Amino acid sequence: MDTQTMMDYLSDLLNNNDREWYHAHKRENKLATEQFEQLVQKLILGIGTFDESVLNNDPKSLTFKLVRDTRFSHDKSPYNPSFRAHISSQGKLPIPVGYYIALRPNGGSFLGGGLFADMFTSATSMVREYISVHPEEWEKIIGNPEFKKYFTVKGNALKNVPNGYDKEHPQAEYLKNKSWYVEYFFSDEEVCDGANFVPRAVGLFRAMKPFNDFLNRALKDFKMPERRYALQTVLKMCSKNSDKIEFIRLDPDNFDSESLNGFVLNQRVTKCWRKADGEYRLVPVSYTEDWDLSARRKMSQKIIGAVKSGSVAVGAVKDGEVIGFALLDRNLFGGDNRYMNLCEFYVSEPFRRRGIGKILFEKISSEAKNSGAGKLYISAHSAEESISAYRKYGCVFAVSPDKSHAEQEPFDLQLEFDLKNI
């Protein structure tokens, strides 16, 4: 097992993140992947000395792909230059929680544990309630000197203690959380020191085991939703207090890199518009796009950077959580059309078909109009549902399609919305 081989390959992929290079270096990919699977096997055996529940795992079933699905992302890098695996009693599912490893060049390698996925509201409720009922046990675990030596509990959190819990509860700060996890980062040099890296990793995983055990006791009755989770069921779960949704400008004071950690993309596409013989027709195209935690944080960072550079972001916020957002680039283009570009526009899956997208569109359109735009420009994804929504908002084909947008996303439909309509 050679960690240097893995890191060398990932560094090369990071610097040559394109399909041509990737396919030209399949031999190096195969070798590095085999080395990573050997590393995972060693970790399984090491963890198995104190947690026998992981011993039946096959390393190949615990790893994640390098290939990225970029169809809904403005970052078109086709590969994620990191080797990742999640080791638990049930494989790589996020629940039950287990032992996570990610190898990424330039200091991005880390070990993790706990509940990273905060999109499962039932899981959040279970852990929150368990902490509430067992505050002393929780404090004993996170206050243990061995734990504190390496870890600090992180997680996406509400601004206030949720309704139904005492604001003076001894663990009030942790009751705000929607996820609870720990991370320990390594330098590239530490990872490449293969002889010492494995025993260090096993020791760190041992130190986080009581933390994982606590969360898994809280989650013992959790059932993982089926992949094709019924939308109406989700909507029903989220229908209470729906009138408390606020629409606000997002800025660095109320929005940070973890503000989208609970956002659920889960964009199902069955048909897309394609142009043939000068006419647009719906054609069958079937896939589902999701964002992992890294993609959500990347989008958050993009919004923060854009706002700092003069763009405007509007968010739909419920109980302190961003459930929809729109990002407007206020640079004018398109000559007399005075276009401003709608860069990003998303609503979290549990809150779709409730009018939130329409209100967000109206809010961001007003921002564009107040900033001097004549029309809103949209390079719209060609999915049937997306185009249907934009048409309902009053969008039409752009009079002067922007060449750069069309070339960047050849399948997108170039639309505009006349701001005289608001």
Protein backbone atom coordinates (compact mmCIF):
# COMPACT_ATOMS: atom_id res chain seq x y z
CA MET A 1 0.00 0.00 0.00
CA ASP A 2 1.62 3.20 -1.24
CA THR A 3 -0.03 6.48 -0.23
CA GLN A 4 2.53 8.43 -2.27
CA THR A 5 1.21 6.81 -5.46
CA MET A 6 -2.34 7.87 -4.57
CA MET A 7 -1.41 11.47 -3.82
CA ASP A 8 0.78 11.78 -6.91
CA TYR A 9 -2.09 10.64 -9.11
CA LEU A 10 -4.60 12.96 -7.42
CA SER A 11 -2.20 15.90 -7.77
CA ASP A 12 -1.81 15.19 -11.48
CA LEU A 13 -5.59 14.90 -11.88
CA LEU A 14 -6.11 18.16 -10.00
CA ASN A 15 -3.78 19.92 -12.45
CA ASN A 16 -5.18 18.14 -15.53
CA ASN A 17 -8.88 17.90 -14.78
CA ASP A 18 -10.13 16.97 -18.24
CA ARG A 19 -11.38 13.82 -19.93
CA GLU A 20 -8.55 13.58 -22.42
CA TRP A 21 -5.90 13.42 -19.69
CA TYR A 22 -8.02 11.10 -17.54
CA HIS A 23 -8.51 8.53 -20.30
CA ALA A 24 -4.85 8.76 -21.31
CA HIS A 25 -3.82 7.81 -17.77
CA LYS A 26 -6.11 4.89 -17.03
CA ARG A 27 -3.16 2.75 -15.95
CA GLU A 28 -2.16 5.29 -13.30
CA ASN A 29 -5.80 5.55 -12.21
CA LYS A 30 -6.08 1.78 -11.84
CA LEU A 31 -2.88 1.58 -9.81
CA ALA A 32 -3.82 4.46 -7.51
CA THR A 33 -7.35 3.09 -7.03
CA GLU A 34 -5.98 -0.32 -6.10
CA GLN A 35 -3.65 1.32 -3.58
CA PHE A 36 -6.56 3.23 -2.04
CA GLU A 37 -8.64 0.06 -1.75
CA GLN A 38 -5.69 -1.57 0.03
CA LEU A 39 -5.60 1.41 2.39
CA VAL A 40 -9.32 1.04 3.10
CA GLN A 41 -8.82 -2.67 3.80
CA LYS A 42 -6.07 -1.86 6.31
CA LEU A 43 -8.35 0.68 7.97
CA ILE A 44 -11.19 -1.86 8.15
CA LEU A 45 -8.90 -4.32 9.90
CA GLY A 46 -7.55 -1.63 12.23
CA ILE A 47 -11.00 -0.30 13.11
CA GLY A 48 -12.18 -3.89 13.52
CA THR A 49 -9.94 -4.29 16.57
CA PHE A 50 -12.33 -2.01 18.49
CA ASP A 51 -15.45 -2.04 16.27
CA GLU A 52 -16.17 -5.49 14.86
CA SER A 53 -19.30 -4.25 13.02
CA VAL A 54 -17.17 -3.02 10.08
CA LEU A 55 -15.24 -6.23 9.42
CA ASN A 56 -17.61 -7.71 6.82
CA ASN A 57 -17.19 -4.79 4.42
CA ASP A 58 -15.60 -5.09 0.98
CA PRO A 59 -13.35 -2.04 0.37
CA LYS A 60 -14.61 -1.59 -3.20
CA SER A 61 -18.18 -1.15 -1.95
CA LEU A 62 -17.17 1.67 0.40
CA THR A 63 -15.48 4.03 -2.07
CA PHE A 64 -16.93 6.92 -4.07
CA LYS A 65 -16.40 7.69 -7.76
CA LEU A 66 -14.02 10.31 -9.09
CA VAL A 67 -16.45 11.21 -11.89
CA ARG A 68 -18.64 14.26 -11.23
CA ASP A 69 -22.11 14.83 -12.69
CA THR A 70 -21.83 18.39 -13.99
CA ARG A 71 -25.19 18.76 -15.73
CA PHE A 72 -26.57 21.18 -13.15
CA SER A 73 -23.23 22.69 -12.11
CA HIS A 74 -21.44 25.74 -13.46
CA ASP A 75 -18.18 24.05 -12.46
CA LYS A 76 -17.63 21.76 -15.42
CA SER A 77 -14.55 20.00 -14.04
CA PRO A 78 -15.40 16.38 -14.88
CA TYR A 79 -13.58 14.80 -11.94
CA ASN A 80 -13.32 15.17 -8.19
CA PRO A 81 -9.59 14.75 -7.48
CA SER A 82 -10.05 12.89 -4.20
CA PHE A 83 -10.25 9.30 -3.02
CA ARG A 84 -13.08 8.89 -0.51
CA ALA A 85 -14.64 6.10 1.52
CA HIS A 86 -17.12 5.69 4.36
CA ILE A 87 -16.69 2.66 6.62
CA SER A 88 -19.65 1.67 8.76
CA SER A 89 -21.66 -1.38 9.77
CA GLN A 90 -23.93 -0.75 6.76
CA GLY A 91 -21.31 0.19 4.20
CA LYS A 92 -21.08 3.70 2.80
CA LEU A 93 -24.61 4.86 3.60
CA PRO A 94 -24.52 8.08 5.68
CA ILE A 95 -26.54 6.39 8.45
CA PRO A 96 -25.49 4.56 10.57
CA VAL A 97 -22.60 6.94 11.00
CA GLY A 98 -19.11 5.57 10.67
CA TYR A 99 -15.55 6.42 9.74
CA TYR A 100 -14.93 8.66 6.74
CA ILE A 101 -11.65 9.21 4.89
CA ALA A 102 -10.92 11.64 2.08
CA LEU A 103 -7.53 12.00 0.39
CA ARG A 104 -7.13 15.23 -1.56
CA PRO A 105 -3.93 17.13 -2.48
CA ASN A 106 -2.88 20.51 -1.09
CA GLY A 107 -3.89 19.81 2.50
CA GLY A 108 -7.43 18.68 1.73
CA SER A 109 -7.10 15.18 3.22
CA PHE A 110 -9.08 14.46 6.37
CA LEU A 111 -10.71 11.84 8.55
CA GLY A 112 -14.28 12.38 9.63
CA GLY A 113 -17.05 10.90 11.70
CA GLY A 114 -20.59 11.63 12.78
CA LEU A 115 -23.71 12.78 10.98
CA PHE A 116 -22.71 14.93 7.98
CA ALA A 117 -26.04 14.58 6.17
CA ASP A 118 -28.56 17.05 7.58
CA MET A 119 -31.15 16.69 4.81
CA PHE A 120 -32.90 13.92 6.77
CA THR A 121 -35.14 15.84 9.14
CA SER A 122 -36.08 12.71 11.07
CA ALA A 123 -32.41 11.97 11.76
CA THR A 124 -31.84 15.51 12.98
CA SER A 125 -34.85 15.25 15.27
CA MET A 126 -33.69 11.92 16.69
CA VAL A 127 -30.21 13.18 17.54
CA ARG A 128 -31.49 16.49 18.93
CA GLU A 129 -33.95 14.67 21.19
CA TYR A 130 -31.32 12.18 22.34
CA ILE A 131 -28.90 14.96 23.28
CA SER A 132 -31.73 16.69 25.13
CA VAL A 133 -32.49 13.58 27.18
CA HIS A 134 -28.84 12.54 27.70
CA PRO A 135 -26.94 15.83 28.22
CA GLU A 136 -24.46 14.43 30.73
CA GLU A 137 -23.52 11.50 28.49
CA TRP A 138 -23.02 13.87 25.54
CA GLU A 139 -20.88 16.22 27.65
CA LYS A 140 -18.79 13.32 28.91
CA ILE A 141 -18.04 12.23 25.33
CA ILE A 142 -17.24 15.60 23.76
CA GLY A 143 -15.46 16.77 26.93
CA ASN A 144 -13.19 13.73 27.10
CA PRO A 145 -9.55 14.97 26.94
CA GLU A 146 -8.68 12.37 24.29
CA PHE A 147 -11.58 13.54 22.12
CA LYS A 148 -10.89 17.25 22.66
CA LYS A 149 -7.25 16.73 21.80
CA TYR A 150 -8.22 16.03 18.19
CA PHE A 151 -11.80 17.07 17.54
CA THR A 152 -14.32 19.88 17.76
CA VAL A 153 -17.96 19.12 16.98
CA LYS A 154 -19.08 20.92 13.83
CA GLY A 155 -22.37 21.09 11.95
CA ASN A 156 -24.92 23.24 10.20
CA ALA A 157 -27.04 24.96 12.85
CA LEU A 158 -30.07 27.13 13.43
CA LYS A 159 -29.58 30.59 14.87
CA ASN A 160 -31.84 29.84 17.83
CA VAL A 161 -32.74 26.85 19.96
CA PRO A 162 -35.65 25.14 18.13
CA ASN A 163 -39.18 25.31 19.48
CA GLY A 164 -39.95 22.75 22.16
CA TYR A 165 -36.52 22.89 23.79
CA ASP A 166 -35.40 24.90 26.81
CA LYS A 167 -33.17 27.80 25.79
CA GLU A 168 -31.32 27.30 29.07
CA HIS A 169 -30.68 23.60 28.44
CA PRO A 170 -27.04 22.74 29.28
CA GLN A 171 -26.53 21.54 25.68
CA ALA A 172 -28.55 24.34 24.07
CA GLU A 173 -25.80 25.17 21.59
CA TYR A 174 -25.79 21.61 20.27
CA LEU A 175 -29.59 21.46 20.14
CA LYS A 176 -29.38 24.17 17.47
CA ASN A 177 -27.44 21.81 15.22
CA LYS A 178 -28.94 20.00 12.26
CA SER A 179 -25.81 17.89 11.82
CA TRP A 180 -23.04 16.81 14.16
CA TYR A 181 -19.66 15.74 12.81
CA VAL A 182 -15.90 15.94 13.39
CA GLU A 183 -12.95 16.32 11.05
CA TYR A 184 -9.19 15.93 11.42
CA PHE A 185 -7.01 17.23 8.58
CA PHE A 186 -3.63 15.95 7.40
CA SER A 187 -0.90 17.59 5.38
CA ASP A 188 0.18 15.91 2.14
CA GLU A 189 3.45 14.94 3.79
CA GLU A 190 1.64 13.18 6.64
CA VAL A 191 -0.52 11.22 4.21
CA CYS A 192 2.47 10.20 2.12
CA ASP A 193 4.17 8.78 5.20
CA GLY A 194 2.27 5.54 4.69
CA ALA A 195 3.95 3.60 7.47
CA ASN A 196 2.71 6.07 10.10
CA PHE A 197 -0.50 7.24 8.44
CA VAL A 198 -2.49 4.02 8.95
CA PRO A 199 -1.81 3.62 12.69
CA ARG A 200 -2.47 7.35 13.21
CA ALA A 201 -5.76 7.10 11.32
CA VAL A 202 -6.83 4.02 13.28
CA GLY A 203 -5.97 5.81 16.54
CA LEU A 204 -8.05 8.83 15.55
CA PHE A 205 -10.98 6.66 14.53
CA ARG A 206 -10.74 4.93 17.92
CA ALA A 207 -10.91 8.32 19.63
CA MET A 208 -14.08 9.26 17.72
CA LYS A 209 -15.86 5.92 18.29
CA PRO A 210 -17.74 7.01 21.48
CA PHE A 211 -19.02 10.03 19.51
CA ASN A 212 -20.22 7.79 16.67
CA ASP A 213 -21.73 5.31 19.12
CA PHE A 214 -23.77 8.06 20.80
CA LEU A 215 -25.17 9.22 17.46
CA ASN A 216 -25.96 5.69 16.36
CA ARG A 217 -27.87 5.02 19.57
CA ALA A 218 -29.89 8.14 18.78
CA LEU A 219 -30.44 6.91 15.22
CA LYS A 220 -31.24 3.26 15.97
CA ASP A 221 -34.83 3.62 14.66
CA PHE A 222 -33.89 5.67 11.59
CA LYS A 223 -34.95 4.24 8.23
CA MET A 224 -33.17 5.44 5.11
CA PRO A 225 -35.69 6.89 2.61
CA GLU A 226 -35.90 5.16 -0.73
CA ARG A 227 -34.04 6.96 -3.48
CA ARG A 228 -37.32 7.78 -5.23
CA TYR A 229 -38.69 9.51 -2.18
CA ALA A 230 -42.30 10.59 -2.78
CA LEU A 231 -42.38 14.35 -3.21
CA GLN A 232 -45.90 14.69 -1.81
CA THR A 233 -44.79 12.89 1.35
CA VAL A 234 -41.91 15.31 1.79
CA LEU A 235 -44.19 18.27 1.17
CA LYS A 236 -46.62 17.00 3.77
CA MET A 237 -43.80 16.70 6.29
CA CYS A 238 -42.73 20.26 5.60
CA SER A 239 -46.14 21.90 5.31
CA LYS A 240 -46.41 23.02 8.93
CA ASN A 241 -45.45 26.64 9.60
CA SER A 242 -44.99 27.23 5.85
CA ASP A 243 -46.14 30.81 6.36
CA LYS A 244 -42.89 31.60 8.17
CA ILE A 245 -40.81 31.66 4.99
CA GLU A 246 -38.87 34.92 4.65
CA PHE A 247 -37.30 36.36 1.50
CA ILE A 248 -34.13 38.27 2.27
CA ARG A 249 -30.96 39.50 0.64
CA LEU A 250 -28.09 37.13 1.34
CA ASP A 251 -24.78 38.62 2.45
CA PRO A 252 -21.73 37.52 4.48
CA ASP A 253 -23.48 38.60 7.70
CA ASN A 254 -26.33 36.10 7.31
CA PHE A 255 -24.89 33.53 4.87
CA ASP A 256 -21.72 31.45 5.10
CA SER A 257 -20.07 28.41 3.54
CA GLU A 258 -22.33 26.02 5.49
CA SER A 259 -25.63 27.78 4.82
CA LEU A 260 -26.61 25.34 2.07
CA ASN A 261 -25.53 22.18 3.91
CA GLY A 262 -29.17 21.12 4.31
CA PHE A 263 -30.21 22.02 0.76
CA VAL A 264 -31.76 19.09 -1.17
CA LEU A 265 -31.29 19.36 -4.94
CA ASN A 266 -32.46 15.88 -6.05
CA GLN A 267 -33.40 17.19 -9.50
CA ARG A 268 -35.16 14.45 -11.46
CA VAL A 269 -35.18 14.90 -15.24
CA THR A 270 -37.15 12.71 -17.66
CA LYS A 271 -37.44 14.95 -20.74
CA CYS A 272 -35.42 17.83 -22.19
CA TRP A 273 -35.97 20.30 -25.02
CA ARG A 274 -33.65 19.76 -28.00
CA LYS A 275 -33.49 21.67 -31.25
CA ALA A 276 -33.83 19.67 -34.46
CA ASP A 277 -34.56 20.96 -37.96
CA GLY A 278 -35.00 24.44 -36.56
CA GLU A 279 -37.65 23.43 -34.01
CA TYR A 280 -37.54 22.54 -30.33
CA ARG A 281 -38.92 19.14 -29.36
CA LEU A 282 -39.13 17.24 -26.09
CA VAL A 283 -36.93 14.16 -26.09
CA PRO A 284 -36.53 11.45 -23.42
CA VAL A 285 -33.54 12.11 -21.16
CA SER A 286 -33.47 10.36 -17.80
CA TYR A 287 -31.17 11.19 -14.87
CA THR A 288 -31.16 12.61 -11.36
CA GLU A 289 -28.78 15.32 -10.16
CA ASP A 290 -27.82 15.73 -6.52
CA TRP A 291 -25.31 17.85 -4.64
CA ASP A 292 -23.07 16.26 -2.06
CA LEU A 293 -21.82 18.27 0.91
CA SER A 294 -18.77 19.49 -1.02
CA ALA A 295 -20.95 20.76 -3.90
CA ARG A 296 -23.28 22.61 -1.49
CA ARG A 297 -20.34 24.33 0.16
CA LYS A 298 -18.88 25.19 -3.22
CA MET A 299 -22.15 26.84 -4.25
CA SER A 300 -22.25 28.74 -0.96
CA GLN A 301 -18.74 30.02 -1.54
CA LYS A 302 -19.65 31.05 -5.07
CA ILE A 303 -22.59 33.09 -3.78
CA ILE A 304 -20.45 34.75 -1.10
CA GLY A 305 -17.75 35.63 -3.63
CA ALA A 306 -20.27 36.96 -6.13
CA VAL A 307 -22.01 39.14 -3.54
CA LYS A 308 -18.66 40.58 -2.44
CA SER A 309 -18.02 41.44 -6.11
CA GLY A 310 -21.29 43.34 -6.51
CA SER A 311 -23.83 40.67 -7.39
CA VAL A 312 -27.14 40.34 -5.53
CA ALA A 313 -28.42 37.14 -3.94
CA VAL A 314 -31.94 36.65 -2.59
CA GLY A 315 -32.80 33.71 -0.35
CA ALA A 316 -35.98 32.03 0.81
CA VAL A 317 -35.40 31.22 4.49
CA LYS A 318 -37.45 28.99 6.78
CA ASP A 319 -36.49 28.40 10.43
CA GLY A 320 -33.03 29.77 9.73
CA GLU A 321 -32.45 27.42 6.77
CA VAL A 322 -32.01 28.57 3.17
CA ILE A 323 -34.57 26.62 1.13
CA GLY A 324 -34.26 28.57 -2.12
CA PHE A 325 -31.98 31.18 -3.65
CA ALA A 326 -31.40 33.32 -6.73
CA LEU A 327 -28.15 35.02 -7.76
CA LEU A 328 -28.05 38.06 -10.07
CA ASP A 329 -24.97 39.35 -11.88
CA ARG A 330 -25.56 43.12 -12.12
CA ASN A 331 -23.17 43.70 -15.01
CA LEU A 332 -25.15 44.96 -18.01
CA PHE A 333 -24.74 43.38 -21.45
CA GLY A 334 -26.72 42.91 -24.66
CA GLY A 335 -26.71 46.53 -25.88
CA ASP A 336 -30.14 48.15 -25.91
CA ASN A 337 -31.67 45.10 -24.23
CA ARG A 338 -29.80 46.02 -21.01
CA TYR A 339 -29.64 42.42 -19.85
CA MET A 340 -28.63 41.29 -16.35
CA ASN A 341 -27.87 37.60 -15.93
CA LEU A 342 -29.72 35.27 -13.54
CA CYS A 343 -26.70 33.13 -12.64
CA GLU A 344 -28.25 30.67 -10.17
CA PHE A 345 -31.85 29.81 -9.33
CA TYR A 346 -32.80 26.83 -7.15
CA VAL A 347 -35.46 25.71 -4.69
CA SER A 348 -34.84 22.80 -2.31
CA GLU A 349 -36.85 19.71 -3.28
CA PRO A 350 -39.17 19.55 -0.22
CA PHE A 351 -40.36 23.11 -0.94
CA ARG A 352 -40.99 22.97 -4.68
CA ARG A 353 -44.44 23.54 -6.23
CA ARG A 354 -45.43 25.84 -3.39
CA GLY A 355 -44.95 29.18 -5.15
CA ILE A 356 -41.53 29.84 -3.61
CA GLY A 357 -39.77 29.85 -6.97
CA LYS A 358 -42.24 32.39 -8.36
CA ILE A 359 -41.69 34.75 -5.41
CA LEU A 360 -37.92 34.36 -5.68
CA PHE A 361 -38.12 35.14 -9.40
CA GLU A 362 -40.18 38.27 -8.68
CA LYS A 363 -37.75 39.40 -5.98
CA ILE A 364 -34.65 38.94 -8.13
CA SER A 365 -36.41 40.60 -11.09
CA SER A 366 -37.13 43.64 -8.91
CA GLU A 367 -33.47 43.74 -7.91
CA ALA A 368 -32.49 43.74 -11.58
CA LYS A 369 -34.97 46.47 -12.47
CA ASN A 370 -33.87 48.64 -9.54
CA SER A 371 -30.27 48.19 -10.66
CA GLY A 372 -31.04 49.60 -14.12
CA ALA A 373 -31.67 46.46 -16.16
CA GLY A 374 -34.22 46.35 -18.95
CA LYS A 375 -34.48 42.58 -19.10
CA LEU A 376 -33.49 39.57 -17.05
CA TYR A 377 -31.36 37.08 -19.01
CA ILE A 378 -31.58 33.34 -18.28
CA SER A 379 -29.44 30.58 -19.74
CA ALA A 380 -32.02 27.98 -18.70
CA HIS A 381 -31.51 24.26 -18.27
CA SER A 382 -33.47 22.45 -20.98
CA ALA A 383 -35.36 20.12 -18.61
CA GLU A 384 -39.11 20.12 -19.28
CA GLU A 385 -39.94 21.21 -15.72
CA SER A 386 -37.46 24.09 -15.75
CA ILE A 387 -38.66 25.56 -19.03
CA SER A 388 -42.29 25.13 -18.00
CA ALA A 389 -41.64 27.15 -14.84
CA TYR A 390 -39.85 29.95 -16.69
CA ARG A 391 -42.68 30.18 -19.21
CA LYS A 392 -45.19 30.50 -16.38
CA TYR A 393 -43.12 33.38 -15.02
CA GLY A 394 -43.43 35.13 -18.41
CA CYS A 395 -40.05 34.31 -19.95
CA VAL A 396 -39.63 34.05 -23.72
CA PHE A 397 -36.76 33.25 -26.07
CA ALA A 398 -34.05 35.91 -25.89
CA VAL A 399 -34.20 38.48 -28.67
CA SER A 400 -30.41 38.67 -28.68
CA PRO A 401 -28.98 35.35 -27.41
CA ASP A 402 -25.62 35.87 -25.73
CA LYS A 403 -22.93 33.93 -27.55
CA SER A 404 -20.78 33.24 -24.48
CA HIS A 405 -23.70 31.74 -22.53
CA ALA A 406 -24.83 29.65 -25.49
CA GLU A 407 -21.34 28.28 -26.07
CA GLN A 408 -20.80 27.50 -22.38
CA GLU A 409 -24.05 25.51 -22.14
CA PRO A 410 -24.97 24.35 -25.69
CA PHE A 411 -28.17 22.57 -24.56
CA ASP A 412 -29.47 25.49 -22.48
CA LEU A 413 -32.35 27.58 -23.81
CA GLN A 414 -31.50 31.27 -23.91
CA LEU A 415 -34.44 33.16 -22.39
CA GLU A 416 -35.30 36.68 -21.31
CA PHE A 417 -37.86 38.35 -19.07
CA ASP A 418 -38.95 41.92 -19.83
CA LEU A 419 -38.77 43.88 -16.58
CA LYS A 420 -41.54 46.18 -17.79
CA ASN A 421 -43.83 43.37 -16.72
CA ILE A 422 -43.22 44.06 -13.03
